[in-house]
Amino acid sequence: MSELGIALIAAGAAIAGSAATGWYTRSAGFRQAEAARQAGDRQADALLETVRMTLREQAAVRVLDIRRQTYVAFLGAAESRIRAERTGRGPGDDDARLESALGEVVLEGPAEVASAARDVVDRLRRHEAPDNLLSAKAAFVSAAQEALDVPPGVR
């Protein structure tokens, strides 16, 4: 075989080898790109789920904070009305303030807390004894704490 023939065979083999290597490299590159895309998708999904969880937690905290404020406002109005009941003195808007606070508690719920708040107001309307009022107020506080899920050691 002549040198030209050997050179042509060597060149053909080199081209065929390069083509085969290039084809496998290209296929491997596509697989790596697909794997990288899938990994990126998983990371994006994980990040989105983290954001969703954070938003849900923040919404739950806001709901509890609004409830807490509502319950505190009711307690303040009830305490003002109880003080007026005992002393015969107080601002003239005690009843209206108490009714408004009761309405807010009924709207915020839950039903157990609303029921306890209604009991406080009903006892005030009946001009019950201070011990009965304090008992109803304690029942409201207990129901409110349970609704807010206050840990027992903190109560």
C-alpha atoms as a PDB file:
ATOM      1  CA  MET A   1       0.000   0.000   0.000  1.00  0.00           C
ATOM      2  CA  SER A   2       1.263   3.381  -0.857  1.00  0.00           C
ATOM      3  CA  GLU A   3       1.793   6.219   1.502  1.00  0.00           C
ATOM      4  CA  LEU A   4      -1.187   8.024   0.017  1.00  0.00           C
ATOM      5  CA  GLY A   5      -3.435   5.045   0.721  1.00  0.00           C
ATOM      6  CA  ILE A   6      -2.206   4.799   4.296  1.00  0.00           C
ATOM      7  CA  ALA A   7      -2.728   8.546   4.755  1.00  0.00           C
ATOM      8  CA  LEU A   8      -6.283   8.296   3.356  1.00  0.00           C
ATOM      9  CA  ILE A   9      -7.104   5.346   5.642  1.00  0.00           C
ATOM     10  CA  ALA A  10      -5.652   7.187   8.663  1.00  0.00           C
ATOM     11  CA  ALA A  11      -7.544  10.370   7.756  1.00  0.00           C
ATOM     12  CA  GLY A  12     -10.789   8.421   7.290  1.00  0.00           C
ATOM     13  CA  ALA A  13     -10.314   6.663  10.601  1.00  0.00           C
ATOM     14  CA  ALA A  14      -9.622   9.983  12.319  1.00  0.00           C
ATOM     15  CA  ILE A  15     -12.740  11.532  10.788  1.00  0.00           C
ATOM     16  CA  ALA A  16     -14.883   8.520  11.719  1.00  0.00           C
ATOM     17  CA  GLY A  17     -13.447   8.520  15.244  1.00  0.00           C
ATOM     18  CA  SER A  18     -14.039  12.252  15.602  1.00  0.00           C
ATOM     19  CA  ALA A  19     -17.595  11.902  14.307  1.00  0.00           C
ATOM     20  CA  ALA A  20     -18.351   9.038  16.716  1.00  0.00           C
ATOM     21  CA  THR A  21     -16.741  10.856  19.642  1.00  0.00           C
ATOM     22  CA  GLY A  22     -18.567  14.053  18.708  1.00  0.00           C
ATOM     23  CA  TRP A  23     -21.876  12.215  18.509  1.00  0.00           C
ATOM     24  CA  TYR A  24     -21.422  10.645  21.947  1.00  0.00           C
ATOM     25  CA  THR A  25     -20.182  13.933  23.385  1.00  0.00           C
ATOM     26  CA  ARG A  26     -23.217  15.707  21.939  1.00  0.00           C
ATOM     27  CA  SER A  27     -25.538  13.063  23.410  1.00  0.00           C
ATOM     28  CA  ALA A  28     -23.807  13.326  26.779  1.00  0.00           C
ATOM     29  CA  GLY A  29     -24.108  17.114  26.615  1.00  0.00           C
ATOM     30  CA  PHE A  30     -27.845  16.858  25.977  1.00  0.00           C
ATOM     31  CA  ARG A  31     -28.245  14.449  28.886  1.00  0.00           C
ATOM     32  CA  GLN A  32     -26.265  16.776  31.162  1.00  0.00           C
ATOM     33  CA  ALA A  33     -28.311  19.755  30.017  1.00  0.00           C
ATOM     34  CA  GLU A  34     -31.565  17.856  30.671  1.00  0.00           C
ATOM     35  CA  ALA A  35     -30.315  16.752  34.092  1.00  0.00           C
ATOM     36  CA  ALA A  36     -29.322  20.344  34.902  1.00  0.00           C
ATOM     37  CA  ARG A  37     -32.745  21.605  33.768  1.00  0.00           C
ATOM     38  CA  GLN A  38     -34.500  19.021  35.937  1.00  0.00           C
ATOM     39  CA  ALA A  39     -32.316  19.907  38.913  1.00  0.00           C
ATOM     40  CA  GLY A  40     -33.107  23.574  38.356  1.00  0.00           C
ATOM     41  CA  ASP A  41     -36.819  22.763  38.177  1.00  0.00           C
ATOM     42  CA  ARG A  42     -36.599  20.863  41.469  1.00  0.00           C
ATOM     43  CA  GLN A  43     -34.771  23.759  43.105  1.00  0.00           C
ATOM     44  CA  ALA A  44     -37.357  26.226  41.789  1.00  0.00           C
ATOM     45  CA  ASP A  45     -40.200  24.008  43.034  1.00  0.00           C
ATOM     46  CA  ALA A  46     -38.559  23.727  46.454  1.00  0.00           C
ATOM     47  CA  LEU A  47     -38.113  27.501  46.628  1.00  0.00           C
ATOM     48  CA  LEU A  48     -41.734  28.099  45.608  1.00  0.00           C
ATOM     49  CA  GLU A  49     -42.964  25.646  48.237  1.00  0.00           C
ATOM     50  CA  THR A  50     -40.849  27.403  50.863  1.00  0.00           C
ATOM     51  CA  VAL A  51     -42.353  30.742  49.856  1.00  0.00           C
ATOM     52  CA  ARG A  52     -45.883  29.271  49.950  1.00  0.00           C
ATOM     53  CA  MET A  53     -45.297  27.808  53.419  1.00  0.00           C
ATOM     54  CA  THR A  54     -43.918  31.116  54.663  1.00  0.00           C
ATOM     55  CA  LEU A  55     -46.930  32.999  53.301  1.00  0.00           C
ATOM     56  CA  ARG A  56     -49.350  30.509  54.887  1.00  0.00           C
ATOM     57  CA  GLU A  57     -47.559  30.849  58.235  1.00  0.00           C
ATOM     58  CA  GLN A  58     -47.618  34.638  58.007  1.00  0.00           C
ATOM     59  CA  ALA A  59     -51.335  34.598  57.173  1.00  0.00           C
ATOM     60  CA  ALA A  60     -52.021  32.351  60.170  1.00  0.00           C
ATOM     61  CA  VAL A  61     -50.034  34.680  62.419  1.00  0.00           C
ATOM     62  CA  ARG A  62     -52.000  37.675  61.115  1.00  0.00           C
ATOM     63  CA  VAL A  63     -55.312  35.914  61.800  1.00  0.00           C
ATOM     64  CA  LEU A  64     -54.233  35.080  65.338  1.00  0.00           C
ATOM     65  CA  ASP A  65     -52.993  38.628  65.888  1.00  0.00           C
ATOM     66  CA  ILE A  66     -56.315  40.093  64.748  1.00  0.00           C
ATOM     67  CA  ARG A  67     -58.190  37.666  66.991  1.00  0.00           C
ATOM     68  CA  ARG A  68     -55.943  38.537  69.922  1.00  0.00           C
ATOM     69  CA  GLN A  69     -56.605  42.254  69.395  1.00  0.00           C
ATOM     70  CA  THR A  70     -60.332  41.593  69.129  1.00  0.00           C
ATOM     71  CA  TYR A  71     -60.364  39.564  72.342  1.00  0.00           C
ATOM     72  CA  VAL A  72     -58.346  42.220  74.185  1.00  0.00           C
ATOM     73  CA  ALA A  73     -60.741  44.940  73.007  1.00  0.00           C
ATOM     74  CA  PHE A  74     -63.678  42.877  74.251  1.00  0.00           C
ATOM     75  CA  LEU A  75     -62.002  42.312  77.615  1.00  0.00           C
ATOM     76  CA  GLY A  76     -61.318  46.037  77.916  1.00  0.00           C
ATOM     77  CA  ALA A  77     -64.932  46.904  77.114  1.00  0.00           C
ATOM     78  CA  ALA A  78     -66.233  44.236  79.504  1.00  0.00           C
ATOM     79  CA  GLU A  79     -63.914  45.380  82.277  1.00  0.00           C
ATOM     80  CA  SER A  80     -65.027  48.985  81.774  1.00  0.00           C
ATOM     81  CA  ARG A  81     -68.663  47.914  81.925  1.00  0.00           C
ATOM     82  CA  ILE A  82     -68.015  45.770  85.042  1.00  0.00           C
ATOM     83  CA  ARG A  83     -66.323  48.744  86.715  1.00  0.00           C
ATOM     84  CA  ALA A  84     -69.263  50.970  85.841  1.00  0.00           C
ATOM     85  CA  GLU A  85     -71.618  48.309  87.227  1.00  0.00           C
ATOM     86  CA  ARG A  86     -69.735  48.247  90.548  1.00  0.00           C
ATOM     87  CA  THR A  87     -69.205  51.951  91.011  1.00  0.00           C
ATOM     88  CA  GLY A  88     -72.181  53.375  89.148  1.00  0.00           C
ATOM     89  CA  ARG A  89     -69.752  55.602  87.273  1.00  0.00           C
ATOM     90  CA  GLY A  90     -68.206  55.307  83.868  1.00  0.00           C
ATOM     91  CA  PRO A  91     -68.280  56.735  80.388  1.00  0.00           C
ATOM     92  CA  GLY A  92     -71.709  56.836  78.817  1.00  0.00           C
ATOM     93  CA  ASP A  93     -70.621  54.746  75.848  1.00  0.00           C
ATOM     94  CA  ASP A  94     -69.791  51.592  77.862  1.00  0.00           C
ATOM     95  CA  ASP A  95     -72.808  49.669  76.563  1.00  0.00           C
ATOM     96  CA  ALA A  96     -72.239  50.662  72.938  1.00  0.00           C
ATOM     97  CA  ARG A  97     -68.532  49.860  73.185  1.00  0.00           C
ATOM     98  CA  LEU A  98     -69.293  46.459  74.724  1.00  0.00           C
ATOM     99  CA  GLU A  99     -71.872  45.636  72.033  1.00  0.00           C
ATOM    100  CA  SER A 100     -69.430  46.632  69.298  1.00  0.00           C
ATOM    101  CA  ALA A 101     -66.670  44.528  70.854  1.00  0.00           C
ATOM    102  CA  LEU A 102     -69.075  41.579  71.185  1.00  0.00           C
ATOM    103  CA  GLY A 103     -69.962  41.902  67.489  1.00  0.00           C
ATOM    104  CA  GLU A 104     -66.284  41.763  66.567  1.00  0.00           C
ATOM    105  CA  VAL A 105     -65.730  38.657  68.704  1.00  0.00           C
ATOM    106  CA  VAL A 106     -68.748  36.967  67.094  1.00  0.00           C
ATOM    107  CA  LEU A 107     -67.336  37.758  63.643  1.00  0.00           C
ATOM    108  CA  GLU A 108     -63.827  36.574  64.463  1.00  0.00           C
ATOM    109  CA  GLY A 109     -64.934  33.446  66.286  1.00  0.00           C
ATOM    110  CA  PRO A 110     -64.561  30.650  66.889  1.00  0.00           C
ATOM    111  CA  ALA A 111     -67.996  29.721  68.234  1.00  0.00           C
ATOM    112  CA  GLU A 112     -66.720  28.780  71.707  1.00  0.00           C
ATOM    113  CA  VAL A 113     -65.166  32.200  72.217  1.00  0.00           C
ATOM    114  CA  ALA A 114     -68.249  33.982  70.864  1.00  0.00           C
ATOM    115  CA  SER A 115     -70.453  31.973  73.218  1.00  0.00           C
ATOM    116  CA  ALA A 116     -68.259  32.847  76.202  1.00  0.00           C
ATOM    117  CA  ALA A 117     -68.347  36.537  75.219  1.00  0.00           C
ATOM    118  CA  ARG A 118     -72.156  36.444  74.922  1.00  0.00           C
ATOM    119  CA  ASP A 119     -72.302  34.903  78.400  1.00  0.00           C
ATOM    120  CA  VAL A 120     -70.290  37.805  79.830  1.00  0.00           C
ATOM    121  CA  VAL A 121     -72.589  40.336  78.167  1.00  0.00           C
ATOM    122  CA  ASP A 122     -75.740  38.469  79.226  1.00  0.00           C
ATOM    123  CA  ARG A 123     -74.584  38.405  82.866  1.00  0.00           C
ATOM    124  CA  LEU A 124     -73.813  42.110  82.713  1.00  0.00           C
ATOM    125  CA  ARG A 125     -77.298  42.814  81.334  1.00  0.00           C
ATOM    126  CA  ARG A 126     -78.813  40.811  84.221  1.00  0.00           C
ATOM    127  CA  HIS A 127     -76.656  42.770  86.697  1.00  0.00           C
ATOM    128  CA  GLU A 128     -75.292  39.549  88.218  1.00  0.00           C
ATOM    129  CA  ALA A 129     -73.014  39.446  91.247  1.00  0.00           C
ATOM    130  CA  PRO A 130     -69.326  40.313  90.768  1.00  0.00           C
ATOM    131  CA  ASP A 131     -68.233  36.709  91.383  1.00  0.00           C
ATOM    132  CA  ASN A 132     -70.483  35.515  88.564  1.00  0.00           C
ATOM    133  CA  LEU A 133     -69.076  38.195  86.272  1.00  0.00           C
ATOM    134  CA  LEU A 134     -65.520  37.231  87.118  1.00  0.00           C
ATOM    135  CA  SER A 135     -66.344  33.570  86.493  1.00  0.00           C
ATOM    136  CA  ALA A 136     -67.826  34.401  83.061  1.00  0.00           C
ATOM    137  CA  LYS A 137     -64.832  36.577  82.249  1.00  0.00           C
ATOM    138  CA  ALA A 138     -62.445  33.771  83.246  1.00  0.00           C
ATOM    139  CA  ALA A 139     -64.355  31.368  80.992  1.00  0.00           C
ATOM    140  CA  PHE A 140     -63.992  33.853  78.117  1.00  0.00           C
ATOM    141  CA  VAL A 141     -60.255  34.194  78.738  1.00  0.00           C
ATOM    142  CA  SER A 142     -59.858  30.416  78.808  1.00  0.00           C
ATOM    143  CA  ALA A 143     -61.787  29.994  75.534  1.00  0.00           C
ATOM    144  CA  ALA A 144     -59.779  32.810  73.934  1.00  0.00           C
ATOM    145  CA  GLN A 145     -56.480  31.266  75.011  1.00  0.00           C
ATOM    146  CA  GLU A 146     -57.517  27.923  73.597  1.00  0.00           C
ATOM    147  CA  ALA A 147     -58.543  29.568  70.317  1.00  0.00           C
ATOM    148  CA  LEU A 148     -55.186  31.311  70.157  1.00  0.00           C
ATOM    149  CA  ASP A 149     -53.477  28.024  71.095  1.00  0.00           C
ATOM    150  CA  VAL A 150     -51.521  29.567  73.927  1.00  0.00           C
ATOM    151  CA  PRO A 151     -49.237  26.897  75.427  1.00  0.00           C
ATOM    152  CA  PRO A 152     -50.316  25.844  78.946  1.00  0.00           C
ATOM    153  CA  GLY A 153     -47.074  27.012  80.599  1.00  0.00           C
ATOM    154  CA  VAL A 154     -47.567  30.541  79.282  1.00  0.00           C
ATOM    155  CA  ARG A 155     -51.093  30.990  80.623  1.00  0.00           C
END
